[in-house]
Amino acid sequence: MTTKNFLDKKNKIAVVGVSANPQKWGSKIYSELKSTDYCVYAVNPKHKKIGLDNCYPNLETLPKNPDVVIIVVPSNITEQVVKQCKKLGIKKIWMQPGSESEKAVKFCKDHKIELVYNACFVVNGLKKTQKF
């Protein structure tokens, strides 16, 4: 599985599990994507805003369907999110370490959803493609 399809700048990306705490991985990923000019949506039902940006309660409430969903939540919630992705026709999911479960991974494979897991989006994705 190549991560190149996930990192295309044309992709709209939703980060499920964005936090108001800048030390949390969901916030770090969201901030990194924004700083590198991706079209990115914050998703967390606990927040209406993240900084000055709108934060959406779930994928179904986004203004447009994302091409990629990055999941940064507990595994039992991931299992619900992957089902939302299938329902919405979203075909690329990146599960941050700790968010994956055997059930969610199997669901993605069974429904032919491209999947990356056991890899950090920032470390194994963005940082590997940027030149410093």
C-alpha atoms as a PDB file:
ATOM      1  CA  MET A   1       0.000   0.000   0.000  1.00  0.00           C
ATOM      2  CA  THR A   2       1.420   3.329  -1.015  1.00  0.00           C
ATOM      3  CA  THR A   3       0.697   6.461   0.964  1.00  0.00           C
ATOM      4  CA  LYS A   4       1.060   8.675  -2.128  1.00  0.00           C
ATOM      5  CA  ASN A   5      -2.692   8.448  -2.928  1.00  0.00           C
ATOM      6  CA  PHE A   6      -3.443   9.723   0.563  1.00  0.00           C
ATOM      7  CA  LEU A   7      -1.062  12.694   0.330  1.00  0.00           C
ATOM      8  CA  ASP A   8      -2.228  14.221  -2.952  1.00  0.00           C
ATOM      9  CA  LYS A   9      -2.778  17.962  -2.358  1.00  0.00           C
ATOM     10  CA  LYS A  10      -6.065  17.718  -4.292  1.00  0.00           C
ATOM     11  CA  ASN A  11      -7.544  15.513  -1.572  1.00  0.00           C
ATOM     12  CA  LYS A  12     -10.033  16.917   0.891  1.00  0.00           C
ATOM     13  CA  ILE A  13      -9.124  15.419   4.263  1.00  0.00           C
ATOM     14  CA  ALA A  14     -11.217  14.995   7.412  1.00  0.00           C
ATOM     15  CA  VAL A  15      -9.486  14.467  10.750  1.00  0.00           C
ATOM     16  CA  VAL A  16     -11.839  12.595  13.076  1.00  0.00           C
ATOM     17  CA  GLY A  17     -10.799  13.205  16.654  1.00  0.00           C
ATOM     18  CA  VAL A  18      -9.455  16.758  16.489  1.00  0.00           C
ATOM     19  CA  SER A  19      -9.020  18.155  19.979  1.00  0.00           C
ATOM     20  CA  ALA A  20      -8.902  21.667  21.387  1.00  0.00           C
ATOM     21  CA  ASN A  21      -5.721  20.528  23.168  1.00  0.00           C
ATOM     22  CA  PRO A  22      -2.794  21.311  20.827  1.00  0.00           C
ATOM     23  CA  GLN A  23      -0.720  18.524  22.439  1.00  0.00           C
ATOM     24  CA  LYS A  24      -3.108  15.779  21.252  1.00  0.00           C
ATOM     25  CA  TRP A  25      -2.320  13.937  18.010  1.00  0.00           C
ATOM     26  CA  GLY A  26      -5.626  14.861  16.383  1.00  0.00           C
ATOM     27  CA  SER A  27      -4.768  18.545  16.797  1.00  0.00           C
ATOM     28  CA  LYS A  28      -1.178  18.065  15.666  1.00  0.00           C
ATOM     29  CA  ILE A  29      -2.274  16.312  12.474  1.00  0.00           C
ATOM     30  CA  TYR A  30      -4.975  18.897  11.769  1.00  0.00           C
ATOM     31  CA  SER A  31      -2.542  21.799  12.303  1.00  0.00           C
ATOM     32  CA  GLU A  32       0.140  20.178  10.159  1.00  0.00           C
ATOM     33  CA  LEU A  33      -2.317  19.658   7.297  1.00  0.00           C
ATOM     34  CA  LYS A  34      -3.567  23.247   7.524  1.00  0.00           C
ATOM     35  CA  SER A  35      -0.012  24.600   7.564  1.00  0.00           C
ATOM     36  CA  THR A  36       0.793  22.684   4.365  1.00  0.00           C
ATOM     37  CA  ASP A  37      -2.281  24.005   2.523  1.00  0.00           C
ATOM     38  CA  TYR A  38      -4.459  20.907   2.456  1.00  0.00           C
ATOM     39  CA  CYS A  39      -8.238  21.307   2.427  1.00  0.00           C
ATOM     40  CA  VAL A  40      -8.927  19.834   5.864  1.00  0.00           C
ATOM     41  CA  TYR A  41     -12.013  19.468   8.035  1.00  0.00           C
ATOM     42  CA  ALA A  42     -12.062  19.073  11.814  1.00  0.00           C
ATOM     43  CA  VAL A  43     -14.464  16.425  13.152  1.00  0.00           C
ATOM     44  CA  ASN A  44     -15.362  16.035  16.825  1.00  0.00           C
ATOM     45  CA  PRO A  45     -18.881  16.144  18.313  1.00  0.00           C
ATOM     46  CA  LYS A  46     -17.530  17.807  21.482  1.00  0.00           C
ATOM     47  CA  HIS A  47     -16.464  21.031  19.728  1.00  0.00           C
ATOM     48  CA  LYS A  48     -18.161  23.637  17.530  1.00  0.00           C
ATOM     49  CA  LYS A  49     -14.859  25.370  16.723  1.00  0.00           C
ATOM     50  CA  ILE A  50     -11.181  24.491  16.749  1.00  0.00           C
ATOM     51  CA  GLY A  51      -9.472  27.847  16.911  1.00  0.00           C
ATOM     52  CA  LEU A  52     -11.326  29.907  14.302  1.00  0.00           C
ATOM     53  CA  ASP A  53     -12.309  26.867  12.207  1.00  0.00           C
ATOM     54  CA  ASN A  54     -15.650  25.095  12.237  1.00  0.00           C
ATOM     55  CA  CYS A  55     -15.611  21.676  13.827  1.00  0.00           C
ATOM     56  CA  TYR A  56     -18.221  19.210  12.627  1.00  0.00           C
ATOM     57  CA  PRO A  57     -19.905  16.553  14.778  1.00  0.00           C
ATOM     58  CA  ASN A  58     -19.495  13.754  12.199  1.00  0.00           C
ATOM     59  CA  LEU A  59     -18.599  13.033   8.578  1.00  0.00           C
ATOM     60  CA  GLU A  60     -22.188  13.351   7.406  1.00  0.00           C
ATOM     61  CA  THR A  61     -22.316  17.042   8.411  1.00  0.00           C
ATOM     62  CA  LEU A  62     -19.238  18.123   6.414  1.00  0.00           C
ATOM     63  CA  PRO A  63     -19.836  20.623   3.579  1.00  0.00           C
ATOM     64  CA  LYS A  64     -18.269  18.126   1.115  1.00  0.00           C
ATOM     65  CA  ASN A  65     -17.337  14.473   1.359  1.00  0.00           C
ATOM     66  CA  PRO A  66     -13.625  14.097   2.053  1.00  0.00           C
ATOM     67  CA  ASP A  67     -11.381  11.950  -0.116  1.00  0.00           C
ATOM     68  CA  VAL A  68      -9.393  10.800   2.918  1.00  0.00           C
ATOM     69  CA  VAL A  69     -10.407  10.290   6.547  1.00  0.00           C
ATOM     70  CA  ILE A  70      -7.727  10.251   9.227  1.00  0.00           C
ATOM     71  CA  ILE A  71      -9.009   8.605  12.393  1.00  0.00           C
ATOM     72  CA  VAL A  72      -7.556   9.597  15.776  1.00  0.00           C
ATOM     73  CA  VAL A  73     -10.086   8.165  18.236  1.00  0.00           C
ATOM     74  CA  PRO A  74     -10.432   5.022  20.397  1.00  0.00           C
ATOM     75  CA  SER A  75     -10.866   1.797  18.429  1.00  0.00           C
ATOM     76  CA  ASN A  76     -14.529   1.309  19.379  1.00  0.00           C
ATOM     77  CA  ILE A  77     -15.337   4.697  17.802  1.00  0.00           C
ATOM     78  CA  THR A  78     -13.182   3.859  14.768  1.00  0.00           C
ATOM     79  CA  GLU A  79     -15.486   0.906  14.136  1.00  0.00           C
ATOM     80  CA  GLN A  80     -18.407   3.344  13.822  1.00  0.00           C
ATOM     81  CA  VAL A  81     -16.434   5.813  11.679  1.00  0.00           C
ATOM     82  CA  VAL A  82     -15.446   3.201   9.074  1.00  0.00           C
ATOM     83  CA  LYS A  83     -19.126   2.330   8.645  1.00  0.00           C
ATOM     84  CA  GLN A  84     -19.902   6.034   8.092  1.00  0.00           C
ATOM     85  CA  CYS A  85     -17.136   6.125   5.486  1.00  0.00           C
ATOM     86  CA  LYS A  86     -18.617   3.189   3.591  1.00  0.00           C
ATOM     87  CA  LYS A  87     -22.090   4.763   3.705  1.00  0.00           C
ATOM     88  CA  LEU A  88     -20.691   8.030   2.288  1.00  0.00           C
ATOM     89  CA  GLY A  89     -18.539   6.322  -0.353  1.00  0.00           C
ATOM     90  CA  ILE A  90     -15.225   7.403   1.191  1.00  0.00           C
ATOM     91  CA  LYS A  91     -12.498   5.058  -0.073  1.00  0.00           C
ATOM     92  CA  LYS A  92      -9.335   6.100   1.820  1.00  0.00           C
ATOM     93  CA  ILE A  93      -8.878   5.752   5.578  1.00  0.00           C
ATOM     94  CA  TRP A  94      -5.776   6.284   7.686  1.00  0.00           C
ATOM     95  CA  MET A  95      -6.011   4.905  11.229  1.00  0.00           C
ATOM     96  CA  GLN A  96      -3.531   6.497  13.606  1.00  0.00           C
ATOM     97  CA  PRO A  97      -1.749   4.064  15.944  1.00  0.00           C
ATOM     98  CA  GLY A  98      -4.087   3.215  18.806  1.00  0.00           C
ATOM     99  CA  SER A  99      -7.239   3.894  16.822  1.00  0.00           C
ATOM    100  CA  GLU A 100      -7.241   0.670  14.841  1.00  0.00           C
ATOM    101  CA  SER A 101      -8.968  -2.570  15.729  1.00  0.00           C
ATOM    102  CA  GLU A 102      -9.047  -5.941  14.004  1.00  0.00           C
ATOM    103  CA  LYS A 103     -12.768  -5.444  13.392  1.00  0.00           C
ATOM    104  CA  ALA A 104     -12.296  -2.003  11.751  1.00  0.00           C
ATOM    105  CA  VAL A 105      -9.366  -3.206   9.621  1.00  0.00           C
ATOM    106  CA  LYS A 106     -11.340  -6.252   8.458  1.00  0.00           C
ATOM    107  CA  PHE A 107     -14.353  -4.058   7.649  1.00  0.00           C
ATOM    108  CA  CYS A 108     -12.204  -1.831   5.425  1.00  0.00           C
ATOM    109  CA  LYS A 109     -10.607  -4.780   3.650  1.00  0.00           C
ATOM    110  CA  ASP A 110     -13.974  -6.500   3.144  1.00  0.00           C
ATOM    111  CA  HIS A 111     -15.412  -3.311   1.610  1.00  0.00           C
ATOM    112  CA  LYS A 112     -12.368  -2.492  -0.544  1.00  0.00           C
ATOM    113  CA  ILE A 113     -11.532   0.717   1.304  1.00  0.00           C
ATOM    114  CA  GLU A 114      -7.868   1.726   0.924  1.00  0.00           C
ATOM    115  CA  LEU A 115      -6.329   1.621   4.358  1.00  0.00           C
ATOM    116  CA  VAL A 116      -3.166   2.629   6.185  1.00  0.00           C
ATOM    117  CA  TYR A 117      -2.730   1.634   9.820  1.00  0.00           C
ATOM    118  CA  ASN A 118       0.108   1.045  12.289  1.00  0.00           C
ATOM    119  CA  ALA A 119       1.711   4.224  10.917  1.00  0.00           C
ATOM    120  CA  CYS A 120       1.583   7.841  12.066  1.00  0.00           C
ATOM    121  CA  PHE A 121       0.205  10.195   9.419  1.00  0.00           C
ATOM    122  CA  VAL A 122       2.662  12.987  10.256  1.00  0.00           C
ATOM    123  CA  VAL A 123       5.791  10.839  10.706  1.00  0.00           C
ATOM    124  CA  ASN A 124       5.166   8.183   8.030  1.00  0.00           C
ATOM    125  CA  GLY A 125       3.146  10.353   5.655  1.00  0.00           C
ATOM    126  CA  LEU A 126       3.724  14.085   5.545  1.00  0.00           C
ATOM    127  CA  LYS A 127       7.289  14.231   6.887  1.00  0.00           C
ATOM    128  CA  LYS A 128       8.507  11.595   4.435  1.00  0.00           C
ATOM    129  CA  THR A 129       7.195  13.585   1.464  1.00  0.00           C
ATOM    130  CA  GLN A 130       8.508  16.999   2.531  1.00  0.00           C
ATOM    131  CA  LYS A 131      12.030  18.139   1.778  1.00  0.00           C
ATOM    132  CA  PHE A 132      13.820  19.915   4.623  1.00  0.00           C
END
